[in-house]
Amino acid sequence: MDIDVKRKKNLTYAVVKNVYTAAELKRIKKEFSVFEYVGPEKTDAAVDNGAYLKDGDGAWVDSHYKDNRQSSALLTANRVLFSPELTNALEEADVFYGQLKKTNFDSTLLNKYSSGKEYKPHVDDSLISAVTFFKTGQIISGGEFVFPEQKIKIPLEDNTMVVFPGLALHGALPFKGRGKRYSMAQFAYITYNK
């Protein structure tokens, strides 16, 4: 895992390359076929003026495995977000990310995009978000992950994760090609019992 924590303007974020081993990546991509993907209206996609900002499909991974999370390659491998290696690197760069160690609830959404599809800039309701990119087939160009307010563009690279505050405006640009772009979005929260 290659962790690169960066800061531009008011945003501290991490780009993590080679998140998963080759064996984990193979199991994860194999799992993509088990889900029933649904439109943005059923994946809590962001809305602006009554229009969905996402035109790809998605599947809530946690709901699919609600009784047996350990049988999911995605849900077991994605615990890397909470690994000491990553959480310590983030917290060393910005005290805010100490919150990642305190989160007590997270959810995972697997998004699937074909050529020309995008997720326009939006914010999440999570404390901390992470998006991991996976490519299948041939993607010729585009598909960057963006933080428009900071003028940041992160290239679409297979097996790469971006970690950032959920309130940071972000999006995914359309790509051209005959492949699919999958993105695993993780949303981390701190919940309080009353």
C-alpha atoms as a PDB file:
ATOM      1  CA  MET A   1       0.000   0.000   0.000  1.00  0.00           C
ATOM      2  CA  ASP A   2       1.495   3.322  -1.122  1.00  0.00           C
ATOM      3  CA  ILE A   3       0.042   6.205   0.939  1.00  0.00           C
ATOM      4  CA  ASP A   4       0.444   9.788  -0.244  1.00  0.00           C
ATOM      5  CA  VAL A   5      -1.211  12.349   2.050  1.00  0.00           C
ATOM      6  CA  LYS A   6      -1.583  15.759   0.414  1.00  0.00           C
ATOM      7  CA  ARG A   7      -2.916  19.192   1.239  1.00  0.00           C
ATOM      8  CA  LYS A   8      -4.128  21.818  -1.193  1.00  0.00           C
ATOM      9  CA  LYS A   9      -5.807  24.990  -0.020  1.00  0.00           C
ATOM     10  CA  ASN A  10      -8.187  23.898   2.770  1.00  0.00           C
ATOM     11  CA  LEU A  11      -8.281  20.160   1.978  1.00  0.00           C
ATOM     12  CA  THR A  12      -6.158  17.343   3.386  1.00  0.00           C
ATOM     13  CA  TYR A  13      -6.719  14.086   1.530  1.00  0.00           C
ATOM     14  CA  ALA A  14      -4.889  10.846   0.786  1.00  0.00           C
ATOM     15  CA  VAL A  15      -4.298   8.995  -2.460  1.00  0.00           C
ATOM     16  CA  VAL A  16      -3.509   5.354  -1.728  1.00  0.00           C
ATOM     17  CA  LYS A  17      -2.193   3.224  -4.587  1.00  0.00           C
ATOM     18  CA  ASN A  18      -1.936  -0.560  -4.603  1.00  0.00           C
ATOM     19  CA  VAL A  19      -4.558  -0.761  -1.880  1.00  0.00           C
ATOM     20  CA  TYR A  20      -5.140  -4.484  -2.322  1.00  0.00           C
ATOM     21  CA  THR A  21      -2.904  -7.416  -3.158  1.00  0.00           C
ATOM     22  CA  ALA A  22      -3.321  -9.145  -6.529  1.00  0.00           C
ATOM     23  CA  ALA A  23      -5.191 -12.011  -4.816  1.00  0.00           C
ATOM     24  CA  GLU A  24      -7.559  -9.633  -2.972  1.00  0.00           C
ATOM     25  CA  LEU A  25      -8.158  -7.657  -6.162  1.00  0.00           C
ATOM     26  CA  LYS A  26      -9.077 -10.814  -8.070  1.00  0.00           C
ATOM     27  CA  ARG A  27     -11.604 -11.839  -5.365  1.00  0.00           C
ATOM     28  CA  ILE A  28     -13.056  -8.312  -5.209  1.00  0.00           C
ATOM     29  CA  LYS A  29     -13.572  -8.012  -8.976  1.00  0.00           C
ATOM     30  CA  LYS A  30     -15.123 -11.480  -9.122  1.00  0.00           C
ATOM     31  CA  GLU A  31     -17.685 -10.320  -6.567  1.00  0.00           C
ATOM     32  CA  PHE A  32     -18.887  -7.458  -8.811  1.00  0.00           C
ATOM     33  CA  SER A  33     -21.155  -9.896 -10.667  1.00  0.00           C
ATOM     34  CA  VAL A  34     -23.215 -10.964  -7.622  1.00  0.00           C
ATOM     35  CA  PHE A  35     -24.968  -7.638  -7.109  1.00  0.00           C
ATOM     36  CA  GLU A  36     -28.185  -6.305  -8.549  1.00  0.00           C
ATOM     37  CA  TYR A  37     -27.297  -2.747  -9.512  1.00  0.00           C
ATOM     38  CA  VAL A  38     -30.022  -0.119  -9.235  1.00  0.00           C
ATOM     39  CA  GLY A  39     -30.373   3.490 -10.359  1.00  0.00           C
ATOM     40  CA  PRO A  40     -29.408   6.584  -8.380  1.00  0.00           C
ATOM     41  CA  GLU A  41     -32.874   6.957  -6.876  1.00  0.00           C
ATOM     42  CA  LYS A  42     -32.294   3.771  -4.843  1.00  0.00           C
ATOM     43  CA  THR A  43     -28.713   4.485  -3.761  1.00  0.00           C
ATOM     44  CA  ASP A  44     -29.252   7.756  -1.889  1.00  0.00           C
ATOM     45  CA  ALA A  45     -27.458   9.654  -4.664  1.00  0.00           C
ATOM     46  CA  ALA A  46     -27.009  13.393  -4.285  1.00  0.00           C
ATOM     47  CA  VAL A  47     -29.687  15.617  -5.818  1.00  0.00           C
ATOM     48  CA  ASP A  48     -29.580  19.206  -7.074  1.00  0.00           C
ATOM     49  CA  ASN A  49     -32.802  21.017  -8.054  1.00  0.00           C
ATOM     50  CA  GLY A  50     -34.652  17.695  -8.201  1.00  0.00           C
ATOM     51  CA  ALA A  51     -32.136  16.016 -10.550  1.00  0.00           C
ATOM     52  CA  TYR A  52     -29.801  13.195  -9.540  1.00  0.00           C
ATOM     53  CA  LEU A  53     -26.127  14.105  -9.860  1.00  0.00           C
ATOM     54  CA  LYS A  54     -25.115  10.482 -10.504  1.00  0.00           C
ATOM     55  CA  ASP A  55     -26.043   8.677 -13.697  1.00  0.00           C
ATOM     56  CA  GLY A  56     -24.349   5.376 -12.893  1.00  0.00           C
ATOM     57  CA  ASP A  57     -25.868   2.450 -11.022  1.00  0.00           C
ATOM     58  CA  GLY A  58     -24.998   1.114  -7.590  1.00  0.00           C
ATOM     59  CA  ALA A  59     -25.502  -1.612  -5.003  1.00  0.00           C
ATOM     60  CA  TRP A  60     -25.398  -1.352  -1.213  1.00  0.00           C
ATOM     61  CA  VAL A  61     -22.898  -4.071  -0.342  1.00  0.00           C
ATOM     62  CA  ASP A  62     -23.788  -4.134   3.374  1.00  0.00           C
ATOM     63  CA  SER A  63     -27.453  -4.861   2.624  1.00  0.00           C
ATOM     64  CA  HIS A  64     -26.536  -7.741   0.343  1.00  0.00           C
ATOM     65  CA  TYR A  65     -24.455  -9.371   3.088  1.00  0.00           C
ATOM     66  CA  LYS A  66     -26.369  -8.169   6.139  1.00  0.00           C
ATOM     67  CA  ASP A  67     -26.331 -11.602   7.770  1.00  0.00           C
ATOM     68  CA  ASN A  68     -22.814 -12.646   6.758  1.00  0.00           C
ATOM     69  CA  ARG A  69     -20.397  -9.786   6.114  1.00  0.00           C
ATOM     70  CA  GLN A  70     -17.400 -12.118   6.386  1.00  0.00           C
ATOM     71  CA  SER A  71     -18.413 -13.899   3.176  1.00  0.00           C
ATOM     72  CA  SER A  72     -17.833 -10.716   1.144  1.00  0.00           C
ATOM     73  CA  ALA A  73     -14.402 -10.063  -0.343  1.00  0.00           C
ATOM     74  CA  LEU A  74     -15.323  -6.367  -0.569  1.00  0.00           C
ATOM     75  CA  LEU A  75     -16.462  -6.005   3.036  1.00  0.00           C
ATOM     76  CA  THR A  76     -13.494  -7.858   4.509  1.00  0.00           C
ATOM     77  CA  ALA A  77     -10.836  -6.234   2.324  1.00  0.00           C
ATOM     78  CA  ASN A  78     -12.207  -2.708   2.738  1.00  0.00           C
ATOM     79  CA  ARG A  79     -11.297  -2.744   6.444  1.00  0.00           C
ATOM     80  CA  VAL A  80      -7.945  -1.418   5.200  1.00  0.00           C
ATOM     81  CA  LEU A  81      -9.489   2.055   5.577  1.00  0.00           C
ATOM     82  CA  PHE A  82      -9.293   1.525   9.354  1.00  0.00           C
ATOM     83  CA  SER A  83      -5.807  -0.002   9.405  1.00  0.00           C
ATOM     84  CA  PRO A  84      -3.208   1.590  11.710  1.00  0.00           C
ATOM     85  CA  GLU A  85      -0.906   2.169   8.717  1.00  0.00           C
ATOM     86  CA  LEU A  86      -3.473   4.361   6.981  1.00  0.00           C
ATOM     87  CA  THR A  87      -5.130   5.999   9.998  1.00  0.00           C
ATOM     88  CA  ASN A  88      -1.773   6.959  11.515  1.00  0.00           C
ATOM     89  CA  ALA A  89      -0.510   8.446   8.234  1.00  0.00           C
ATOM     90  CA  LEU A  90      -3.689  10.504   7.900  1.00  0.00           C
ATOM     91  CA  GLU A  91      -3.669  11.688  11.515  1.00  0.00           C
ATOM     92  CA  GLU A  92       0.009  12.693  11.317  1.00  0.00           C
ATOM     93  CA  ALA A  93      -0.917  15.029   8.452  1.00  0.00           C
ATOM     94  CA  ASP A  94      -4.151  16.403   9.920  1.00  0.00           C
ATOM     95  CA  VAL A  95      -5.568  15.955  13.420  1.00  0.00           C
ATOM     96  CA  PHE A  96      -9.082  15.775  11.898  1.00  0.00           C
ATOM     97  CA  TYR A  97      -8.379  12.232  10.697  1.00  0.00           C
ATOM     98  CA  GLY A  98      -8.024  11.054  14.298  1.00  0.00           C
ATOM     99  CA  GLN A  99     -11.807  10.859  14.003  1.00  0.00           C
ATOM    100  CA  LEU A 100     -11.387   7.840  11.708  1.00  0.00           C
ATOM    101  CA  LYS A 101     -10.234   5.827  14.740  1.00  0.00           C
ATOM    102  CA  LYS A 102     -13.431   6.833  16.563  1.00  0.00           C
ATOM    103  CA  THR A 103     -15.922   5.966  13.841  1.00  0.00           C
ATOM    104  CA  ASN A 104     -18.326   3.251  14.892  1.00  0.00           C
ATOM    105  CA  PHE A 105     -20.456   2.812  11.788  1.00  0.00           C
ATOM    106  CA  ASP A 106     -19.681   2.624   8.098  1.00  0.00           C
ATOM    107  CA  SER A 107     -21.491   1.642   4.933  1.00  0.00           C
ATOM    108  CA  THR A 108     -20.275   0.571   1.505  1.00  0.00           C
ATOM    109  CA  LEU A 109     -21.771   1.383  -1.885  1.00  0.00           C
ATOM    110  CA  LEU A 110     -20.417  -0.209  -5.059  1.00  0.00           C
ATOM    111  CA  ASN A 111     -21.011   2.079  -8.050  1.00  0.00           C
ATOM    112  CA  LYS A 112     -20.836   0.954 -11.676  1.00  0.00           C
ATOM    113  CA  TYR A 113     -20.331   3.345 -14.584  1.00  0.00           C
ATOM    114  CA  SER A 114     -20.140   2.776 -18.311  1.00  0.00           C
ATOM    115  CA  SER A 115     -18.566   5.115 -20.863  1.00  0.00           C
ATOM    116  CA  GLY A 116     -19.864   8.682 -20.627  1.00  0.00           C
ATOM    117  CA  LYS A 117     -21.386   8.283 -17.140  1.00  0.00           C
ATOM    118  CA  GLU A 118     -20.394  10.502 -14.231  1.00  0.00           C
ATOM    119  CA  TYR A 119     -21.121  11.644 -10.708  1.00  0.00           C
ATOM    120  CA  LYS A 120     -21.286  15.425 -10.720  1.00  0.00           C
ATOM    121  CA  PRO A 121     -19.723  17.313  -7.788  1.00  0.00           C
ATOM    122  CA  HIS A 122     -21.527  16.765  -4.492  1.00  0.00           C
ATOM    123  CA  VAL A 123     -20.873  16.331  -0.771  1.00  0.00           C
ATOM    124  CA  ASP A 124     -21.499  13.261   1.375  1.00  0.00           C
ATOM    125  CA  ASP A 125     -23.264  13.140   4.738  1.00  0.00           C
ATOM    126  CA  SER A 126     -20.446  11.063   6.237  1.00  0.00           C
ATOM    127  CA  LEU A 127     -17.697  12.303   8.521  1.00  0.00           C
ATOM    128  CA  ILE A 128     -15.028  10.687   6.341  1.00  0.00           C
ATOM    129  CA  SER A 129     -15.424   9.175   2.878  1.00  0.00           C
ATOM    130  CA  ALA A 130     -13.185   6.901   0.847  1.00  0.00           C
ATOM    131  CA  VAL A 131     -13.552   5.941  -2.793  1.00  0.00           C
ATOM    132  CA  THR A 132     -11.593   3.059  -4.316  1.00  0.00           C
ATOM    133  CA  PHE A 133     -11.416   2.751  -8.102  1.00  0.00           C
ATOM    134  CA  PHE A 134     -11.518  -0.458 -10.089  1.00  0.00           C
ATOM    135  CA  LYS A 135     -11.351  -0.743 -13.878  1.00  0.00           C
ATOM    136  CA  THR A 136     -12.501  -3.590 -16.073  1.00  0.00           C
ATOM    137  CA  GLY A 137     -12.062  -3.748 -19.833  1.00  0.00           C
ATOM    138  CA  GLN A 138     -10.492  -0.914 -21.802  1.00  0.00           C
ATOM    139  CA  ILE A 139     -10.806   2.658 -20.583  1.00  0.00           C
ATOM    140  CA  ILE A 140      -9.166   5.040 -23.022  1.00  0.00           C
ATOM    141  CA  SER A 141      -9.356   8.419 -21.306  1.00  0.00           C
ATOM    142  CA  GLY A 142     -11.028  10.441 -18.573  1.00  0.00           C
ATOM    143  CA  GLY A 143     -12.725   9.231 -15.424  1.00  0.00           C
ATOM    144  CA  GLU A 144     -10.758  11.452 -13.071  1.00  0.00           C
ATOM    145  CA  PHE A 145     -11.862  11.980  -9.478  1.00  0.00           C
ATOM    146  CA  VAL A 146     -12.082  15.705  -8.747  1.00  0.00           C
ATOM    147  CA  PHE A 147     -12.210  18.204  -5.919  1.00  0.00           C
ATOM    148  CA  PRO A 148     -13.383  21.216  -7.979  1.00  0.00           C
ATOM    149  CA  GLU A 149     -13.043  23.877  -5.269  1.00  0.00           C
ATOM    150  CA  GLN A 150      -9.354  23.013  -4.864  1.00  0.00           C
ATOM    151  CA  LYS A 151      -8.849  22.361  -8.599  1.00  0.00           C
ATOM    152  CA  ILE A 152      -7.601  18.814  -7.914  1.00  0.00           C
ATOM    153  CA  LYS A 153      -7.863  16.019 -10.512  1.00  0.00           C
ATOM    154  CA  ILE A 154      -6.827  12.495  -9.566  1.00  0.00           C
ATOM    155  CA  PRO A 155      -6.357  10.091 -12.498  1.00  0.00           C
ATOM    156  CA  LEU A 156      -8.547   6.981 -12.697  1.00  0.00           C
ATOM    157  CA  GLU A 157      -6.150   4.204 -11.750  1.00  0.00           C
ATOM    158  CA  ASP A 158      -7.133   0.664 -10.857  1.00  0.00           C
ATOM    159  CA  ASN A 159      -6.752  -0.284  -7.176  1.00  0.00           C
ATOM    160  CA  THR A 160      -6.437   3.326  -5.978  1.00  0.00           C
ATOM    161  CA  MET A 161      -8.273   4.841  -2.994  1.00  0.00           C
ATOM    162  CA  VAL A 162      -8.926   8.491  -2.161  1.00  0.00           C
ATOM    163  CA  VAL A 163      -9.730   9.374   1.476  1.00  0.00           C
ATOM    164  CA  PHE A 164     -11.249  12.767   2.303  1.00  0.00           C
ATOM    165  CA  PRO A 165     -13.698  14.616   4.584  1.00  0.00           C
ATOM    166  CA  GLY A 166     -17.264  13.842   3.502  1.00  0.00           C
ATOM    167  CA  LEU A 167     -18.135  17.543   3.364  1.00  0.00           C
ATOM    168  CA  ALA A 168     -15.509  18.213   0.662  1.00  0.00           C
ATOM    169  CA  LEU A 169     -17.127  18.865  -2.724  1.00  0.00           C
ATOM    170  CA  HIS A 170     -16.060  15.996  -5.006  1.00  0.00           C
ATOM    171  CA  GLY A 171     -17.113  14.155  -8.154  1.00  0.00           C
ATOM    172  CA  ALA A 172     -16.126  11.672 -10.860  1.00  0.00           C
ATOM    173  CA  LEU A 173     -15.748  12.787 -14.461  1.00  0.00           C
ATOM    174  CA  PRO A 174     -16.999  10.692 -17.398  1.00  0.00           C
ATOM    175  CA  PHE A 175     -14.582   8.389 -19.203  1.00  0.00           C
ATOM    176  CA  LYS A 176     -14.349   7.031 -22.740  1.00  0.00           C
ATOM    177  CA  GLY A 177     -13.837   3.362 -23.512  1.00  0.00           C
ATOM    178  CA  ARG A 178     -15.413  -0.060 -23.690  1.00  0.00           C
ATOM    179  CA  GLY A 179     -14.765  -0.975 -20.085  1.00  0.00           C
ATOM    180  CA  LYS A 180     -16.507  -0.284 -16.789  1.00  0.00           C
ATOM    181  CA  ARG A 181     -15.427   1.896 -13.914  1.00  0.00           C
ATOM    182  CA  TYR A 182     -16.392   0.572 -10.513  1.00  0.00           C
ATOM    183  CA  SER A 183     -15.976   2.673  -7.422  1.00  0.00           C
ATOM    184  CA  MET A 184     -16.350   1.401  -3.893  1.00  0.00           C
ATOM    185  CA  ALA A 185     -17.552   4.284  -1.750  1.00  0.00           C
ATOM    186  CA  GLN A 186     -17.123   3.912   1.999  1.00  0.00           C
ATOM    187  CA  PHE A 187     -18.884   6.281   4.357  1.00  0.00           C
ATOM    188  CA  ALA A 188     -17.598   6.441   7.949  1.00  0.00           C
ATOM    189  CA  TYR A 189     -19.659   7.936  10.782  1.00  0.00           C
ATOM    190  CA  ILE A 190     -19.612   8.443  14.508  1.00  0.00           C
ATOM    191  CA  THR A 191     -23.032   7.614  15.928  1.00  0.00           C
ATOM    192  CA  TYR A 192     -24.172   8.403  19.420  1.00  0.00           C
ATOM    193  CA  ASN A 193     -26.676   6.346  21.399  1.00  0.00           C
ATOM    194  CA  LYS A 194     -29.086   8.419  23.421  1.00  0.00           C
END
